[in-house]
Amino acid sequence: MKRVLAAQFSILVLAGVLAAHEGMQHLLGRVTAVTESSITVETAGKEPKLVTVSITPQTKVEKDGSPALLKDLKAGERVVVHAKENNKKLEAALVIFGRPAPRKK
């Protein structure tokens, strides 16, 4: 039952993310490695894969709905990364982790 609810929640979050950030790739999964210049994410799904995304000075990071620092992100945490392709490499525009931000009414 918990898995079903978690899957439904993930689908709703991902649907909102896709609508809000057209033209970007969206990664949902667990962090396996973090450096000053990249994040490696094991994607969620039937066929998980490891994806490394570059961090740029323009990358925004949010934890629990508030601005955060990349150093706050640890391996094992769930993450959503909004990334754009640049020269066949993914660059993170936004990294979100922690509890979801409260919805605005």
N, C-alpha and C. Protein backbone atom coordinates (compact mmCIF):
# COMPACT_ATOMS: atom_id res chain seq x y z
N MET A 1 0.83 -1.18 0.00
CA MET A 1 0.00 0.00 0.00
C MET A 1 0.88 1.26 0.00
N LYS A 2 1.93 1.24 0.82
CA LYS A 2 2.82 2.40 0.86
C LYS A 2 3.49 2.63 -0.47
N ARG A 3 3.86 1.55 -1.16
CA ARG A 3 4.51 1.69 -2.47
C ARG A 3 3.56 2.30 -3.49
N VAL A 4 2.30 1.90 -3.43
CA VAL A 4 1.31 2.44 -4.37
C VAL A 4 1.14 3.93 -4.13
N LEU A 5 1.02 4.33 -2.87
CA LEU A 5 0.88 5.76 -2.55
C LEU A 5 2.13 6.53 -2.95
N ALA A 6 3.28 5.97 -2.69
CA ALA A 6 4.54 6.64 -3.07
C ALA A 6 4.64 6.79 -4.58
N ALA A 7 4.24 5.76 -5.31
CA ALA A 7 4.28 5.82 -6.78
C ALA A 7 3.30 6.86 -7.30
N GLN A 8 2.11 6.92 -6.72
CA GLN A 8 1.13 7.92 -7.15
C GLN A 8 1.64 9.33 -6.86
N PHE A 9 2.22 9.53 -5.71
CA PHE A 9 2.77 10.83 -5.35
C PHE A 9 3.88 11.22 -6.32
N SER A 10 4.75 10.28 -6.62
CA SER A 10 5.85 10.55 -7.56
C SER A 10 5.33 10.94 -8.93
N ILE A 11 4.30 10.26 -9.38
CA ILE A 11 3.72 10.57 -10.69
C ILE A 11 3.13 11.98 -10.70
N LEU A 12 2.44 12.34 -9.62
CA LEU A 12 1.86 13.68 -9.54
C LEU A 12 2.94 14.75 -9.52
N VAL A 13 3.98 14.52 -8.73
CA VAL A 13 5.08 15.49 -8.66
C VAL A 13 5.76 15.60 -10.01
N LEU A 14 6.03 14.48 -10.64
CA LEU A 14 6.71 14.49 -11.93
C LEU A 14 5.84 15.15 -13.00
N ALA A 15 4.54 14.93 -12.97
CA ALA A 15 3.65 15.56 -13.95
C ALA A 15 3.69 17.08 -13.80
N GLY A 16 3.68 17.56 -12.58
CA GLY A 16 3.78 19.00 -12.34
C GLY A 16 5.11 19.56 -12.79
N VAL A 17 6.15 18.82 -12.53
CA VAL A 17 7.49 19.24 -12.93
C VAL A 17 7.59 19.32 -14.45
N LEU A 18 7.07 18.32 -15.14
CA LEU A 18 7.13 18.30 -16.59
C LEU A 18 6.37 19.48 -17.19
N ALA A 19 5.25 19.82 -16.62
CA ALA A 19 4.47 20.94 -17.14
C ALA A 19 5.17 22.27 -16.88
N ALA A 20 5.86 22.37 -15.77
CA ALA A 20 6.49 23.63 -15.38
C ALA A 20 7.83 23.87 -16.07
N HIS A 21 8.49 22.84 -16.56
CA HIS A 21 9.83 22.99 -17.11
C HIS A 21 9.96 22.31 -18.47
N GLU A 22 9.17 22.77 -19.43
CA GLU A 22 9.22 22.18 -20.76
C GLU A 22 10.60 22.36 -21.37
N GLY A 23 11.00 21.40 -22.19
CA GLY A 23 12.28 21.49 -22.87
C GLY A 23 13.46 21.00 -22.05
N MET A 24 13.22 20.58 -20.84
CA MET A 24 14.30 20.06 -19.99
C MET A 24 14.08 18.59 -19.75
N GLN A 25 15.16 17.91 -19.42
CA GLN A 25 15.05 16.51 -19.01
C GLN A 25 14.91 16.50 -17.50
N HIS A 26 14.16 15.53 -17.02
CA HIS A 26 13.89 15.44 -15.60
C HIS A 26 14.33 14.09 -15.09
N LEU A 27 15.15 14.11 -14.08
CA LEU A 27 15.64 12.87 -13.48
C LEU A 27 15.06 12.75 -12.09
N LEU A 28 14.56 11.59 -11.78
CA LEU A 28 14.01 11.29 -10.47
C LEU A 28 14.69 10.03 -9.98
N GLY A 29 15.29 10.09 -8.81
CA GLY A 29 15.96 8.90 -8.29
C GLY A 29 16.75 9.18 -7.03
N ARG A 30 17.74 8.34 -6.78
CA ARG A 30 18.59 8.48 -5.59
C ARG A 30 19.99 8.89 -6.00
N VAL A 31 20.56 9.75 -5.19
CA VAL A 31 21.92 10.22 -5.43
C VAL A 31 22.90 9.12 -5.07
N THR A 32 23.84 8.84 -5.96
CA THR A 32 24.89 7.86 -5.66
C THR A 32 26.23 8.54 -5.41
N ALA A 33 26.40 9.77 -5.94
CA ALA A 33 27.64 10.50 -5.73
C ALA A 33 27.41 12.00 -5.95
N VAL A 34 28.11 12.81 -5.16
CA VAL A 34 28.04 14.26 -5.29
C VAL A 34 29.46 14.81 -5.24
N THR A 35 29.80 15.67 -6.21
CA THR A 35 31.06 16.40 -6.17
C THR A 35 30.73 17.87 -6.36
N GLU A 36 31.74 18.71 -6.34
CA GLU A 36 31.51 20.14 -6.57
C GLU A 36 31.04 20.42 -7.99
N SER A 37 31.33 19.50 -8.92
CA SER A 37 31.01 19.76 -10.31
C SER A 37 29.96 18.83 -10.92
N SER A 38 29.47 17.84 -10.14
CA SER A 38 28.47 16.92 -10.72
C SER A 38 27.70 16.17 -9.65
N ILE A 39 26.58 15.62 -10.10
CA ILE A 39 25.74 14.73 -9.28
C ILE A 39 25.50 13.49 -10.12
N THR A 40 25.61 12.33 -9.50
CA THR A 40 25.26 11.08 -10.19
C THR A 40 23.99 10.55 -9.53
N VAL A 41 22.99 10.25 -10.37
CA VAL A 41 21.69 9.81 -9.90
C VAL A 41 21.38 8.44 -10.48
N GLU A 42 20.92 7.53 -9.62
CA GLU A 42 20.38 6.26 -10.10
C GLU A 42 18.89 6.48 -10.29
N THR A 43 18.46 6.47 -11.55
CA THR A 43 17.08 6.81 -11.86
C THR A 43 16.11 5.76 -11.34
N ALA A 44 14.91 6.21 -11.06
CA ALA A 44 13.85 5.32 -10.62
C ALA A 44 13.21 4.69 -11.86
N GLY A 45 12.62 3.54 -11.71
CA GLY A 45 11.92 2.91 -12.82
C GLY A 45 12.27 1.45 -12.95
N LYS A 46 11.68 0.81 -13.95
CA LYS A 46 11.90 -0.62 -14.16
C LYS A 46 13.34 -0.92 -14.56
N GLU A 47 13.94 -0.01 -15.31
CA GLU A 47 15.33 -0.19 -15.73
C GLU A 47 16.17 0.98 -15.23
N PRO A 48 16.56 0.96 -13.95
CA PRO A 48 17.35 2.07 -13.41
C PRO A 48 18.68 2.20 -14.15
N LYS A 49 19.15 3.42 -14.26
CA LYS A 49 20.46 3.66 -14.85
C LYS A 49 21.13 4.79 -14.10
N LEU A 50 22.45 4.84 -14.18
CA LEU A 50 23.21 5.91 -13.55
C LEU A 50 23.38 7.04 -14.55
N VAL A 51 23.02 8.26 -14.12
CA VAL A 51 23.14 9.44 -14.96
C VAL A 51 23.93 10.49 -14.19
N THR A 52 24.97 11.02 -14.82
CA THR A 52 25.76 12.08 -14.20
C THR A 52 25.38 13.40 -14.84
N VAL A 53 25.10 14.38 -13.99
CA VAL A 53 24.68 15.71 -14.43
C VAL A 53 25.69 16.72 -13.91
N SER A 54 26.13 17.60 -14.80
CA SER A 54 27.10 18.64 -14.41
C SER A 54 26.41 19.73 -13.60
N ILE A 55 27.15 20.30 -12.67
CA ILE A 55 26.70 21.44 -11.88
C ILE A 55 27.40 22.67 -12.44
N THR A 56 26.64 23.74 -12.66
CA THR A 56 27.20 24.99 -13.17
C THR A 56 26.97 26.09 -12.13
N PRO A 57 27.60 27.24 -12.32
CA PRO A 57 27.34 28.35 -11.39
C PRO A 57 25.87 28.80 -11.40
N GLN A 58 25.14 28.50 -12.47
CA GLN A 58 23.73 28.88 -12.56
C GLN A 58 22.78 27.86 -11.92
N THR A 59 23.29 26.70 -11.55
CA THR A 59 22.45 25.65 -10.96
C THR A 59 21.86 26.13 -9.63
N LYS A 60 20.55 25.99 -9.50
CA LYS A 60 19.87 26.31 -8.24
C LYS A 60 19.62 25.02 -7.48
N VAL A 61 19.74 25.09 -6.16
CA VAL A 61 19.54 23.92 -5.31
C VAL A 61 18.49 24.27 -4.27
N GLU A 62 17.51 23.37 -4.07
CA GLU A 62 16.47 23.56 -3.07
C GLU A 62 16.37 22.34 -2.17
N LYS A 63 16.27 22.61 -0.88
CA LYS A 63 16.03 21.54 0.10
C LYS A 63 14.81 21.94 0.91
N ASP A 64 13.86 21.05 1.01
CA ASP A 64 12.63 21.31 1.76
C ASP A 64 11.93 22.57 1.28
N GLY A 65 12.05 22.89 -0.01
CA GLY A 65 11.36 24.04 -0.57
C GLY A 65 12.07 25.37 -0.40
N SER A 66 13.27 25.36 0.18
CA SER A 66 14.03 26.58 0.40
C SER A 66 15.39 26.48 -0.28
N PRO A 67 16.01 27.62 -0.62
CA PRO A 67 17.35 27.58 -1.23
C PRO A 67 18.33 26.83 -0.32
N ALA A 68 19.22 26.08 -0.95
CA ALA A 68 20.19 25.29 -0.19
C ALA A 68 21.52 25.29 -0.95
N LEU A 69 22.48 24.63 -0.36
CA LEU A 69 23.81 24.49 -0.97
C LEU A 69 23.98 23.04 -1.43
N LEU A 70 24.77 22.86 -2.46
CA LEU A 70 25.02 21.52 -2.97
C LEU A 70 25.63 20.63 -1.90
N LYS A 71 26.44 21.20 -1.01
CA LYS A 71 27.07 20.39 0.03
C LYS A 71 26.06 19.80 1.01
N ASP A 72 24.81 20.31 1.00
CA ASP A 72 23.75 19.75 1.85
C ASP A 72 23.21 18.43 1.31
N LEU A 73 23.46 18.16 0.03
CA LEU A 73 22.98 16.94 -0.62
C LEU A 73 23.95 15.79 -0.37
N LYS A 74 23.43 14.67 0.07
CA LYS A 74 24.26 13.51 0.40
C LYS A 74 23.84 12.29 -0.42
N ALA A 75 24.78 11.40 -0.63
CA ALA A 75 24.48 10.14 -1.32
C ALA A 75 23.37 9.40 -0.58
N GLY A 76 22.45 8.80 -1.32
CA GLY A 76 21.34 8.07 -0.75
C GLY A 76 20.05 8.86 -0.70
N GLU A 77 20.13 10.18 -0.83
CA GLU A 77 18.92 10.99 -0.77
C GLU A 77 18.17 10.94 -2.10
N ARG A 78 16.85 11.05 -2.01
CA ARG A 78 16.03 11.14 -3.21
C ARG A 78 16.15 12.54 -3.76
N VAL A 79 16.12 12.62 -5.09
CA VAL A 79 16.34 13.90 -5.73
C VAL A 79 15.55 14.00 -7.03
N VAL A 80 15.18 15.22 -7.38
CA VAL A 80 14.63 15.54 -8.70
C VAL A 80 15.59 16.55 -9.30
N VAL A 81 16.06 16.27 -10.51
CA VAL A 81 16.98 17.17 -11.20
C VAL A 81 16.36 17.60 -12.52
N HIS A 82 16.26 18.90 -12.73
CA HIS A 82 15.82 19.46 -14.00
C HIS A 82 17.09 19.85 -14.73
N ALA A 83 17.32 19.24 -15.88
CA ALA A 83 18.58 19.43 -16.59
C ALA A 83 18.34 19.74 -18.06
N LYS A 84 19.28 20.48 -18.62
CA LYS A 84 19.23 20.76 -20.06
C LYS A 84 20.47 20.19 -20.70
N GLU A 85 20.34 19.82 -21.97
CA GLU A 85 21.47 19.26 -22.68
C GLU A 85 22.31 20.39 -23.27
N ASN A 86 23.62 20.28 -23.10
CA ASN A 86 24.56 21.25 -23.64
C ASN A 86 25.78 20.49 -24.13
N ASN A 87 26.01 20.50 -25.44
CA ASN A 87 27.13 19.75 -26.03
C ASN A 87 27.12 18.28 -25.63
N LYS A 88 25.92 17.67 -25.73
CA LYS A 88 25.73 16.24 -25.43
C LYS A 88 25.97 15.87 -23.97
N LYS A 89 26.02 16.87 -23.08
CA LYS A 89 26.14 16.63 -21.64
C LYS A 89 24.95 17.28 -20.95
N LEU A 90 24.50 16.67 -19.87
CA LEU A 90 23.41 17.26 -19.11
C LEU A 90 23.97 18.24 -18.07
N GLU A 91 23.34 19.41 -17.99
CA GLU A 91 23.70 20.42 -17.00
C GLU A 91 22.48 20.68 -16.13
N ALA A 92 22.65 20.63 -14.84
CA ALA A 92 21.53 20.83 -13.92
C ALA A 92 21.15 22.30 -13.86
N ALA A 93 19.86 22.56 -14.06
CA ALA A 93 19.33 23.90 -13.86
C ALA A 93 18.78 24.02 -12.43
N LEU A 94 18.16 22.93 -11.96
CA LEU A 94 17.55 22.91 -10.63
C LEU A 94 17.68 21.53 -10.02
N VAL A 95 18.10 21.49 -8.77
CA VAL A 95 18.21 20.24 -8.01
C VAL A 95 17.31 20.39 -6.79
N ILE A 96 16.37 19.47 -6.63
CA ILE A 96 15.41 19.54 -5.52
C ILE A 96 15.52 18.27 -4.69
N PHE A 97 15.62 18.43 -3.37
CA PHE A 97 15.64 17.27 -2.49
C PHE A 97 15.02 17.65 -1.15
N GLY A 98 14.85 16.66 -0.29
CA GLY A 98 14.19 16.90 1.00
C GLY A 98 12.69 16.78 0.84
N ARG A 99 11.97 17.32 1.79
CA ARG A 99 10.52 17.27 1.75
C ARG A 99 10.00 18.25 0.71
N PRO A 100 8.91 17.92 0.03
CA PRO A 100 8.37 18.83 -0.98
C PRO A 100 7.91 20.13 -0.36
N ALA A 101 8.01 21.19 -1.14
CA ALA A 101 7.55 22.51 -0.68
C ALA A 101 6.03 22.48 -0.53
N PRO A 102 5.50 23.21 0.46
CA PRO A 102 4.04 23.26 0.60
C PRO A 102 3.42 23.92 -0.63
N ARG A 103 2.27 23.44 -1.03
CA ARG A 103 1.59 24.00 -2.21
C ARG A 103 1.01 25.36 -1.86
N LYS A 104 1.15 26.28 -2.80
CA LYS A 104 0.57 27.61 -2.63
C LYS A 104 -0.88 27.56 -3.04
N LYS A 105 -1.73 28.25 -2.30
CA LYS A 105 -3.17 28.24 -2.60
C LYS A 105 -3.54 29.43 -3.44
